[in-house]
Amino acid sequence: MNSSGTGTPPSPRAQASAKAPKTSDDPSSTGFPYGRGPLKFSATGASLKDEDGQDQSLVLNGSTGYATATGPVVDETGSFTVSARVRLDSAGLAKQPVGYRAAVFSQAAPAGKESSWALWVEKPAADTYLWKFGRTAVDATGKVTDTGLVTAQEPISPKELNSWVDLTGVFDAAETFTDDDGQQQLGMTHLYIGQFPQQPEGEAGFATPQQGSGDLTAGNARLAGTTSHYLPGALAELRVWTGAMTADQVRSQVLAAPDDA
């Protein structure tokens, strides 16, 4: 459902894509091209390359590399959509311990070591990886007061590793759910892997208005009280959109060729 109620596709508020200005398309650049100004690279572990058929990829070493910009770039108390193209480095993930979370794209919460929203991959068991999209609300001290989470229905297949995958996270502020007390609430999280929506479970509802503050980050995040969630692999086509995309809009806007979107 589009939060504007018009049925038109949500509009991109900020993006980093293959169509960014060519002045930033330089492997020695210290920034990743972005619609609101470049995402600034970390001191080490991040570089800009054309890789595996994808122009202007942000390549990350999985231990120190990330890129940041000042956020937030959208009203997170309303509906919004975030998307990214990801290529996971299977060797880098295999080195990480069970329970490791590698962040794709995130917006810091206003306090504490959490993210207002984040896309990430999690390692629940050896050689097993799951895509996730979640939202977190915190109080003034940084204590978590509410969460909304969607987890992929199936683990990442071997053919998805070391290949480009499109991820889309959606927060629909106008969608209803029933809370643990049987009360109707507003606010649902959704996750798409390519064109395929993942079935939201009981954890997907998120009823607390929450606006992020501070860093918008690619390749790292504040998650579960810690900050070292580096992604081994590469990122491209990072976008934040106003409004909650439908499945049709994910296909036509996120998955369309850049010249067609």
Protein backbone atom coordinates (compact mmCIF):
# COMPACT_ATOMS: atom_id res chain seq x y z
CA MET A 1 0.00 0.00 0.00
CA ASN A 2 1.35 3.40 -0.93
CA SER A 3 1.23 5.73 2.07
CA SER A 4 0.27 8.64 -0.16
CA GLY A 5 -2.92 6.85 -1.18
CA THR A 6 -2.45 7.82 -4.82
CA GLY A 7 -1.32 4.45 -6.16
CA THR A 8 1.75 6.07 -7.73
CA PRO A 9 5.21 4.63 -7.06
CA PRO A 10 7.00 5.95 -3.98
CA SER A 11 9.61 8.55 -4.83
CA PRO A 12 13.32 8.03 -4.17
CA ARG A 13 14.49 10.48 -1.52
CA ALA A 14 18.14 9.58 -1.88
CA GLN A 15 20.08 7.01 -3.82
CA ALA A 16 23.46 5.69 -4.87
CA SER A 17 23.25 4.12 -8.28
CA ALA A 18 25.05 3.32 -11.51
CA LYS A 19 23.68 6.57 -12.89
CA ALA A 20 25.47 8.77 -10.35
CA PRO A 21 27.75 11.52 -11.74
CA LYS A 22 30.79 10.13 -13.52
CA THR A 23 33.01 12.49 -11.54
CA SER A 24 32.68 10.02 -8.65
CA ASP A 25 33.37 6.91 -10.77
CA ASP A 26 37.01 6.60 -9.71
CA PRO A 27 38.57 3.61 -7.91
CA SER A 28 40.73 6.02 -5.91
CA SER A 29 37.70 8.02 -4.78
CA THR A 30 37.04 8.41 -1.05
CA GLY A 31 33.28 8.59 -1.52
CA PHE A 32 30.48 6.50 -2.98
CA PRO A 33 28.19 8.51 -5.34
CA TYR A 34 24.92 9.36 -3.59
CA GLY A 35 21.98 11.61 -4.38
CA ARG A 36 22.40 13.69 -1.21
CA GLY A 37 26.19 13.87 -1.51
CA PRO A 38 28.74 11.04 -1.46
CA LEU A 39 28.81 8.37 1.19
CA LYS A 40 32.21 8.82 2.84
CA PHE A 41 34.49 5.80 2.95
CA SER A 42 36.03 4.38 6.11
CA ALA A 43 39.79 4.85 6.44
CA THR A 44 40.46 1.32 5.18
CA GLY A 45 38.59 -1.59 3.64
CA ALA A 46 36.26 0.23 1.23
CA SER A 47 36.81 1.00 -2.46
CA LEU A 48 34.81 1.87 -5.55
CA LYS A 49 35.06 -0.53 -8.50
CA ASP A 50 33.20 -1.79 -11.55
CA GLU A 51 32.72 -5.44 -10.66
CA ASP A 52 30.90 -8.48 -12.08
CA GLY A 53 28.90 -6.43 -14.56
CA GLN A 54 27.80 -3.88 -11.95
CA ASP A 55 29.02 -0.29 -12.37
CA GLN A 56 30.22 1.64 -9.33
CA SER A 57 30.22 -1.11 -6.73
CA LEU A 58 31.20 -0.37 -3.16
CA VAL A 59 33.61 -3.24 -2.40
CA LEU A 60 34.10 -4.03 1.30
CA ASN A 61 36.68 -6.19 3.05
CA GLY A 62 34.34 -7.44 5.81
CA SER A 63 36.51 -6.26 8.69
CA THR A 64 36.99 -2.48 8.52
CA GLY A 65 35.19 -1.26 5.40
CA TYR A 66 31.98 0.77 5.27
CA ALA A 67 30.62 4.08 3.98
CA THR A 68 28.50 6.70 5.74
CA ALA A 69 26.46 9.83 5.14
CA THR A 70 24.46 12.07 7.45
CA GLY A 71 20.93 10.77 7.98
CA PRO A 72 18.07 10.39 8.19
CA VAL A 73 16.93 11.02 4.61
CA VAL A 74 13.25 10.11 5.00
CA ASP A 75 10.42 10.48 7.53
CA GLU A 76 10.69 7.13 9.32
CA THR A 77 7.52 7.72 11.36
CA GLY A 78 5.65 7.29 8.06
CA SER A 79 5.89 4.65 5.34
CA PHE A 80 9.18 4.17 3.50
CA THR A 81 11.14 1.66 1.42
CA VAL A 82 14.87 0.88 1.31
CA SER A 83 16.66 -1.20 -1.31
CA ALA A 84 20.15 -2.43 -2.13
CA ARG A 85 21.95 -4.73 -4.54
CA VAL A 86 24.30 -7.06 -2.64
CA ARG A 87 27.03 -9.51 -3.55
CA LEU A 88 28.12 -11.58 -0.55
CA ASP A 89 31.68 -12.88 -0.30
CA SER A 90 31.18 -16.50 0.80
CA ALA A 91 34.78 -16.89 1.98
CA GLY A 92 34.50 -13.80 4.17
CA LEU A 93 31.23 -14.96 5.72
CA ALA A 94 32.58 -18.46 6.34
CA LYS A 95 35.28 -16.96 8.59
CA GLN A 96 32.72 -15.34 10.87
CA PRO A 97 31.34 -17.03 14.01
CA VAL A 98 27.83 -18.42 14.29
CA GLY A 99 25.51 -15.56 15.23
CA TYR A 100 27.40 -12.98 13.17
CA ARG A 101 25.35 -10.20 11.55
CA ALA A 102 26.71 -8.46 8.46
CA ALA A 103 24.91 -5.20 7.71
CA VAL A 104 23.91 -4.13 4.21
CA PHE A 105 22.30 -0.72 4.79
CA SER A 106 21.15 1.00 7.98
CA GLN A 107 20.08 4.20 9.73
CA ALA A 108 21.30 4.75 13.28
CA ALA A 109 18.76 5.14 16.09
CA PRO A 110 18.86 8.42 18.06
CA ALA A 111 20.42 6.78 21.15
CA GLY A 112 22.27 3.61 22.06
CA LYS A 113 23.83 1.02 19.79
CA GLU A 114 20.82 0.16 17.63
CA SER A 115 19.47 1.04 14.19
CA SER A 116 16.12 2.66 13.46
CA TRP A 117 16.06 0.35 10.43
CA ALA A 118 18.51 -2.08 8.88
CA LEU A 119 18.93 -4.67 6.14
CA TRP A 120 21.40 -7.41 7.05
CA VAL A 121 22.47 -11.03 6.64
CA GLU A 122 22.74 -13.28 9.71
CA LYS A 123 24.63 -16.53 10.30
CA PRO A 124 22.45 -18.74 12.59
CA ALA A 125 24.53 -21.88 11.97
CA ALA A 126 27.67 -22.94 10.13
CA ASP A 127 27.32 -22.38 6.36
CA THR A 128 23.77 -21.04 6.87
CA TYR A 129 22.81 -17.43 6.14
CA LEU A 130 19.49 -15.54 6.31
CA TRP A 131 18.48 -12.13 4.96
CA LYS A 132 16.66 -9.89 7.45
CA PHE A 133 14.99 -6.48 7.60
CA GLY A 134 14.08 -4.89 10.89
CA ARG A 135 13.13 -1.76 12.78
CA THR A 136 14.01 -0.84 16.36
CA ALA A 137 12.64 1.85 18.68
CA VAL A 138 14.65 3.11 21.64
CA ASP A 139 14.02 5.48 24.55
CA ALA A 140 16.21 8.45 25.49
CA THR A 141 18.71 6.16 27.23
CA GLY A 142 19.05 3.83 24.24
CA LYS A 143 16.96 1.04 25.78
CA VAL A 144 15.02 -0.96 23.17
CA THR A 145 11.26 -0.39 23.50
CA ASP A 146 9.91 -2.02 20.32
CA THR A 147 11.11 -4.11 17.39
CA GLY A 148 9.74 -5.25 14.05
CA LEU A 149 11.52 -7.99 12.11
CA VAL A 150 11.10 -10.01 8.92
CA THR A 151 13.38 -12.98 8.25
CA ALA A 152 13.79 -14.74 4.92
CA GLN A 153 11.75 -17.93 4.69
CA GLU A 154 14.68 -19.96 3.36
CA PRO A 155 18.45 -19.75 3.91
CA ILE A 156 20.56 -18.17 1.18
CA SER A 157 21.25 -20.76 -1.50
CA PRO A 158 24.83 -21.48 -2.67
CA LYS A 159 24.08 -19.86 -6.04
CA GLU A 160 23.15 -16.59 -4.29
CA LEU A 161 26.58 -16.37 -2.67
CA ASN A 162 29.13 -14.41 -4.72
CA SER A 163 26.26 -13.24 -7.00
CA TRP A 164 24.25 -10.03 -7.10
CA VAL A 165 20.95 -10.13 -5.17
CA ASP A 166 18.38 -7.33 -4.86
CA LEU A 167 16.96 -6.73 -1.38
CA THR A 168 14.04 -4.46 -0.49
CA GLY A 169 12.84 -3.57 2.99
CA VAL A 170 9.44 -1.92 3.40
CA PHE A 171 7.84 -0.24 6.40
CA ASP A 172 4.11 0.35 5.94
CA ALA A 173 2.93 2.72 8.67
CA ALA A 174 -0.73 2.29 7.65
CA GLU A 175 -0.88 -1.53 7.71
CA THR A 176 -2.62 -3.13 10.69
CA PHE A 177 -1.52 -6.04 12.86
CA THR A 178 -2.71 -7.59 16.11
CA ASP A 179 -0.32 -7.26 19.06
CA ASP A 180 0.28 -9.76 21.86
CA ASP A 181 -2.60 -8.27 23.85
CA GLY A 182 -5.04 -8.75 20.97
CA GLN A 183 -5.13 -5.04 20.12
CA GLN A 184 -5.07 -3.68 16.58
CA GLN A 185 -1.96 -1.62 15.87
CA LEU A 186 -0.50 0.16 12.84
CA GLY A 187 2.92 -0.50 11.29
CA MET A 188 4.32 -3.55 9.48
CA THR A 189 7.74 -4.49 8.14
CA HIS A 190 8.22 -6.43 4.89
CA LEU A 191 11.20 -7.98 3.09
CA TYR A 192 11.62 -8.82 -0.61
CA ILE A 193 14.41 -10.95 -2.02
CA GLY A 194 14.40 -10.09 -5.68
CA GLN A 195 10.72 -10.05 -6.63
CA PHE A 196 9.71 -12.50 -3.90
CA PRO A 197 8.01 -11.21 -0.73
CA GLN A 198 8.96 -13.05 2.44
CA GLN A 199 6.10 -14.10 4.71
CA PRO A 200 6.01 -11.80 7.76
CA GLU A 201 5.70 -13.68 11.05
CA GLY A 202 4.49 -12.52 14.44
CA GLU A 203 7.55 -10.32 14.96
CA ALA A 204 6.90 -8.13 11.90
CA GLY A 205 4.64 -5.53 13.56
CA PHE A 206 6.19 -2.22 14.62
CA ALA A 207 3.79 0.28 16.19
CA THR A 208 6.15 2.78 17.84
CA PRO A 209 6.88 6.00 15.91
CA GLN A 210 10.66 6.13 15.57
CA GLN A 211 12.89 8.54 13.70
CA GLY A 212 16.57 7.72 13.25
CA SER A 213 19.39 10.16 13.83
CA GLY A 214 23.03 10.32 12.80
CA ASP A 215 24.79 8.03 10.38
CA LEU A 216 23.22 6.40 7.35
CA THR A 217 25.63 3.51 6.76
CA ALA A 218 26.39 1.01 4.02
CA GLY A 219 28.31 -2.11 5.04
CA ASN A 220 28.01 -1.76 8.83
CA ALA A 221 25.33 -1.02 11.44
CA ARG A 222 24.46 -0.69 15.08
CA LEU A 223 22.69 -3.96 15.90
CA ALA A 224 21.81 -5.69 19.17
CA GLY A 225 23.94 -3.33 21.22
CA THR A 226 27.15 -3.62 19.19
CA THR A 227 28.64 -1.73 16.25
CA SER A 228 30.98 -4.14 14.42
CA HIS A 229 28.77 -5.72 11.77
CA TYR A 230 30.97 -5.42 8.69
CA LEU A 231 29.80 -6.86 5.37
CA PRO A 232 32.21 -8.95 3.28
CA GLY A 233 31.30 -8.37 -0.36
CA ALA A 234 30.01 -5.50 -2.47
CA LEU A 235 27.04 -3.12 -2.62
CA ALA A 236 25.34 -1.09 -5.35
CA GLU A 237 22.05 0.69 -6.11
CA LEU A 238 21.46 1.86 -2.52
CA ARG A 239 18.15 3.70 -2.34
CA VAL A 240 15.72 5.13 0.20
CA TRP A 241 12.17 5.82 -0.96
CA THR A 242 9.22 7.71 0.53
CA GLY A 243 6.18 5.42 0.75
CA ALA A 244 5.60 1.69 1.15
CA MET A 245 6.16 -0.17 -2.12
CA THR A 246 3.82 -2.90 -3.30
CA ALA A 247 5.12 -6.09 -4.92
CA ASP A 248 4.38 -4.61 -8.35
CA GLN A 249 6.32 -1.46 -7.50
CA VAL A 250 9.30 -3.49 -6.28
CA ARG A 251 9.37 -5.20 -9.67
CA SER A 252 8.98 -1.99 -11.68
CA GLN A 253 11.14 0.36 -9.58
CA VAL A 254 13.79 -1.68 -7.76
CA LEU A 255 14.30 -4.54 -10.22
CA ALA A 256 13.96 -2.54 -13.43
CA ALA A 257 17.09 -1.76 -15.41
CA PRO A 258 18.46 1.66 -14.33
CA ASP A 259 17.50 3.24 -17.66
CA ASP A 260 13.93 1.95 -17.27
CA ALA A 261 13.25 2.86 -13.62
